[in-house]
Protein backbone atom coordinates (compact mmCIF):
# COMPACT_ATOMS: atom_id res chain seq x y z
CA MET A 1 84.75 150.15 121.96
CA LYS A 2 87.55 151.97 122.74
CA ALA A 3 90.58 149.14 121.48
CA LEU A 4 88.07 148.69 118.45
CA TRP A 5 88.55 152.96 117.51
CA THR A 6 92.41 151.87 118.70
CA ALA A 7 92.89 148.82 116.23
CA ALA A 8 90.90 151.05 113.61
CA ALA A 9 93.74 153.73 114.29
CA ALA A 10 96.46 151.51 114.06
CA ILE A 11 94.71 149.98 110.82
CA ALA A 12 94.66 153.84 109.09
CA GLY A 13 98.25 154.73 110.60
CA ALA A 14 99.34 151.58 109.02
CA ALA A 15 97.91 152.10 105.49
CA ALA A 16 99.28 155.88 105.78
CA TYR A 17 102.60 155.02 106.05
CA GLY A 18 102.48 152.15 103.16
CA PHE A 19 100.83 154.63 100.83
CA SER A 20 103.76 157.05 101.67
CA ARG A 21 106.10 154.40 99.95
CA PRO A 22 107.18 153.85 96.08
CA GLY A 23 107.05 150.18 96.38
CA VAL A 24 103.62 149.85 98.23
CA ARG A 25 101.88 152.25 95.77
CA GLU A 26 103.72 150.20 92.61
CA MET A 27 101.83 147.08 94.11
CA LEU A 28 98.80 148.04 95.25
CA ARG A 29 98.65 149.68 91.15
CA GLU A 30 99.33 146.26 89.83
CA ASP A 31 97.23 144.20 91.83
CA LEU A 32 94.47 146.45 90.56
CA ASP A 33 95.18 145.67 87.21
CA THR A 34 95.87 141.81 88.11
CA VAL A 35 92.17 141.42 89.21
CA ARG A 36 90.93 143.74 85.90
CA ARG A 37 92.96 141.57 84.09
CA ARG A 38 91.25 138.39 85.78
CA ASP A 39 88.20 139.33 86.60
CA PRO A 40 85.78 140.91 83.43
CA ALA A 41 83.19 142.45 86.29
CA ALA A 42 85.83 144.25 88.14
CA THR A 43 85.33 147.98 85.76
CA SER A 44 85.88 150.29 88.61
CA ASP A 45 89.43 150.91 91.19
CA PHE A 46 87.75 152.27 93.12
CA VAL A 47 84.95 149.19 93.88
CA SER A 48 88.07 146.26 93.28
CA LEU A 49 90.08 148.19 95.86
CA VAL A 50 86.76 147.75 98.97
CA SER A 51 85.30 144.78 97.55
CA TYR A 52 87.69 142.35 96.57
CA PRO A 53 88.07 140.12 99.42
CA GLY A 54 90.66 138.07 98.09
CA MET A 55 92.99 141.20 97.57
CA HIS A 56 92.43 141.98 101.49
CA ALA A 57 93.72 138.67 102.11
CA ILE A 58 96.76 138.78 100.04
CA TRP A 59 97.67 142.12 101.60
CA ALA A 60 97.83 141.03 105.17
CA HIS A 61 99.54 138.18 103.99
CA ARG A 62 102.46 139.74 102.97
CA GLY A 63 103.20 141.50 106.31
CA LEU A 64 102.32 139.17 108.07
CA HIS A 65 104.20 136.65 106.02
CA ARG A 66 107.11 139.19 107.06
CA LEU A 67 106.02 139.55 110.70
CA TRP A 68 106.69 135.20 110.65
CA GLN A 69 109.78 135.89 109.39
CA HIS A 70 111.23 136.69 113.10
CA ASP A 71 110.46 134.26 115.61
CA ALA A 72 109.38 136.73 117.86
CA GLY A 73 106.32 137.41 115.38
CA LYS A 74 105.25 133.85 114.87
CA THR A 75 102.87 133.95 117.33
CA PRO A 76 101.02 137.54 116.84
CA ALA A 77 101.14 136.10 113.21
CA ARG A 78 98.80 132.99 113.20
CA LEU A 79 96.63 134.67 115.69
CA MET A 80 96.08 137.92 113.23
CA SER A 81 96.21 135.24 109.64
CA GLN A 82 92.48 134.07 112.03
CA LEU A 83 91.32 136.95 112.04
CA VAL A 84 91.96 137.71 108.24
CA ARG A 85 90.20 134.69 108.30
CA THR A 86 87.24 135.53 109.91
CA LEU A 87 86.94 138.93 107.79
CA THR A 88 88.01 137.45 104.73
CA GLY A 89 86.76 133.77 103.91
CA VAL A 90 90.58 132.77 103.04
CA GLU A 91 92.98 131.91 105.39
CA ILE A 92 96.38 131.51 104.14
CA HIS A 93 99.43 130.43 106.89
CA PRO A 94 101.61 133.44 107.44
CA GLY A 95 104.23 131.07 106.57
CA ALA A 96 102.82 130.73 102.70
CA GLU A 97 105.28 131.96 99.78
CA ILE A 98 103.33 133.66 97.73
CA GLY A 99 104.62 135.53 94.32
CA ARG A 100 103.58 138.73 92.55
CA ARG A 101 100.29 139.30 90.79
CA PHE A 102 98.59 136.59 92.49
CA PHE A 103 94.82 136.87 92.55
CA ILE A 104 91.61 134.42 94.23
CA ASP A 105 88.43 135.12 92.82
CA HIS A 106 85.44 134.86 94.47
CA ALA A 107 87.15 134.28 98.01
CA ASN A 108 85.55 132.11 100.27
CA GLY A 109 86.45 128.65 101.64
CA VAL A 110 90.45 129.13 100.36
CA VAL A 111 93.38 127.29 102.18
CA ILE A 112 96.40 127.65 102.27
CA GLY A 113 98.85 125.91 104.34
CA GLU A 114 102.23 126.90 106.32
CA THR A 115 104.35 124.98 103.44
CA SER A 116 102.97 126.13 99.99
CA LYS A 117 104.95 128.05 97.37
CA ILE A 118 103.01 129.80 95.03
CA GLY A 119 104.84 131.33 92.05
CA ASP A 120 103.63 134.67 89.80
CA ASP A 121 100.73 135.30 87.77
CA VAL A 122 98.75 132.31 89.88
CA MET A 123 94.85 132.67 90.08
CA LEU A 124 92.99 130.18 92.04
CA TYR A 125 89.13 130.25 92.48
CA HIS A 126 86.64 129.46 95.51
CA GLN A 127 87.02 126.71 97.75
CA VAL A 128 90.54 125.48 96.58
CA THR A 129 92.60 124.25 99.35
CA LEU A 130 96.25 123.30 99.09
CA GLY A 131 96.83 120.98 102.00
CA GLY A 132 99.30 119.07 103.60
CA THR A 133 98.93 115.27 103.76
CA SER A 134 102.13 114.83 106.60
CA MET A 135 101.80 115.20 110.73
CA ALA A 136 105.87 116.00 110.01
CA GLN A 137 107.13 119.44 110.50
CA THR A 138 108.25 119.40 106.86
CA LYS A 139 107.77 120.32 103.48
CA ARG A 140 103.98 119.08 103.10
CA HIS A 141 101.98 121.54 100.96
CA PRO A 142 102.34 121.86 97.59
CA THR A 143 104.10 124.24 95.23
CA ILE A 144 102.46 125.96 92.59
CA GLY A 145 104.42 127.41 89.04
CA ASN A 146 104.00 130.07 87.42
CA HIS A 147 101.23 130.77 85.18
CA VAL A 148 99.31 128.04 86.87
CA LEU A 149 94.88 128.34 87.08
CA VAL A 150 93.21 126.70 90.00
CA GLY A 151 89.53 125.57 89.19
CA ALA A 152 86.79 126.27 91.80
CA GLY A 153 86.64 123.55 94.80
CA ALA A 154 89.96 121.54 93.60
CA LYS A 155 92.01 120.10 96.12
CA ILE A 156 95.96 120.15 95.70
CA LEU A 157 97.54 117.38 98.08
CA GLY A 158 100.85 116.95 99.83
CA PRO A 159 104.24 118.11 98.74
CA VAL A 160 103.04 117.85 95.04
CA VAL A 161 104.29 119.99 92.57
CA VAL A 162 102.49 121.65 89.70
CA GLY A 163 104.54 123.15 86.79
CA ASP A 164 104.58 126.37 85.04
CA ASN A 165 101.89 127.50 82.73
CA SER A 166 99.07 124.64 84.05
CA ALA A 167 95.77 124.00 85.19
CA VAL A 168 94.13 122.05 87.24
CA GLY A 169 90.87 121.47 86.63
CA ALA A 170 87.18 122.63 89.20
CA ASN A 171 87.04 119.60 91.91
CA ALA A 172 89.70 118.52 90.75
CA VAL A 173 92.10 116.26 93.45
CA VAL A 174 95.45 116.37 92.50
CA VAL A 175 98.10 114.07 94.66
CA LYS A 176 100.80 113.65 91.88
CA ASP A 177 102.88 116.25 90.58
CA VAL A 178 101.40 117.71 87.35
CA ALA A 179 104.51 118.58 84.40
CA ALA A 180 104.38 121.75 82.94
CA ASP A 181 101.60 122.65 80.24
CA SER A 182 99.54 120.34 81.73
CA SER A 183 95.67 119.91 82.27
CA ALA A 184 94.80 118.00 85.67
CA VAL A 185 91.34 117.01 85.89
CA GLY A 186 89.56 114.63 87.97
CA ILE A 187 89.70 112.96 91.21
CA PRO A 188 91.72 111.78 91.82
CA ALA A 189 93.34 114.02 88.93
CA THR A 190 94.59 112.70 85.26
CA VAL A 191 97.02 114.80 83.78
CA ARG A 192 97.33 114.92 80.21
CA PRO A 193 99.73 118.03 77.88
CA LYS A 194 97.62 120.82 76.81
CA LYS A 195 96.69 121.13 73.04
CA GLN A 196 98.84 122.18 71.41
CA GLU A 197 97.34 124.88 69.92
CA GLY A 198 96.44 125.79 73.05
CA ALA A 199 99.74 126.05 74.19
CA ALA A 200 101.57 127.78 71.10
CA SER A 201 99.10 130.24 72.15
CA ALA A 202 100.38 130.44 75.01
CA LYS A 203 103.51 130.59 74.49
CA ALA A 204 102.62 133.15 71.75
CA GLU A 205 100.92 135.22 74.18
CA VAL A 206 103.59 135.14 76.83
CA GLU A 207 106.55 136.03 74.92
CA PRO A 208 106.01 139.91 74.12
CA SER A 209 105.34 140.54 78.05
CA LYS A 210 106.58 137.97 80.13
CA LYS A 211 106.10 139.76 83.16
CA ARG A 212 101.49 139.89 82.52
CA PRO A 213 101.00 136.46 80.27
CA ASP A 214 97.10 135.66 80.07
CA PHE A 215 95.92 132.38 80.56
CA VAL A 216 94.09 129.53 77.61
CA LEU A 217 91.83 127.80 78.81
CA GLU A 218 90.09 124.94 76.13
CA ASP A 219 88.60 122.64 78.30
CA PRO A 220 85.27 123.74 79.88
CA ALA A 221 85.97 121.53 82.77
CA LEU A 222 88.78 123.99 83.64
CA TRP A 223 86.32 126.80 84.09
CA ILE A 224 83.69 127.43 87.56
């Protein structure tokens, strides 16, 4: 019991220190805005703050990724990432690189491997795997570009690249590169360009505010 209280006090202290920093408060505001934009069920910042395990997993990863950059921190970062997996249902290796405004909806069963790279404005649904296909200690996990959506149950395997403004359909298995402005659907995934009207609409929405574009989903197979 004493150890539990000590851990709780340490977490509370770290949170208080973090909230005292303007950059942390700005990122928290950005994360909460992202939840509201991506999930129509999110109507309260307080509820989002306390009940979205995907967001909790992302917050934990940011700290663990910094710890991972130091040789002495690799072991504790790896162990703590497993604790985060137990608490949230999301396993993100502390070595993974993740951009801003990342969102995991219905966070459960998500696995993001060590050498994964994820750009800005990416959204994953539940049961997504960014996995490796090699035992070599090299780049063996996917690279996900900016403004990409990955549907529920999709598996993206190996050092493949999913280009900007693309979407991976629910339960798709991707083992080859996905070009920018494309959709990948099926097992194995078939890649095809997005519809012209959808691409034009997406471009029109991105131009006014490149920081916070919204997804354009014209294919039912991309939904959960």
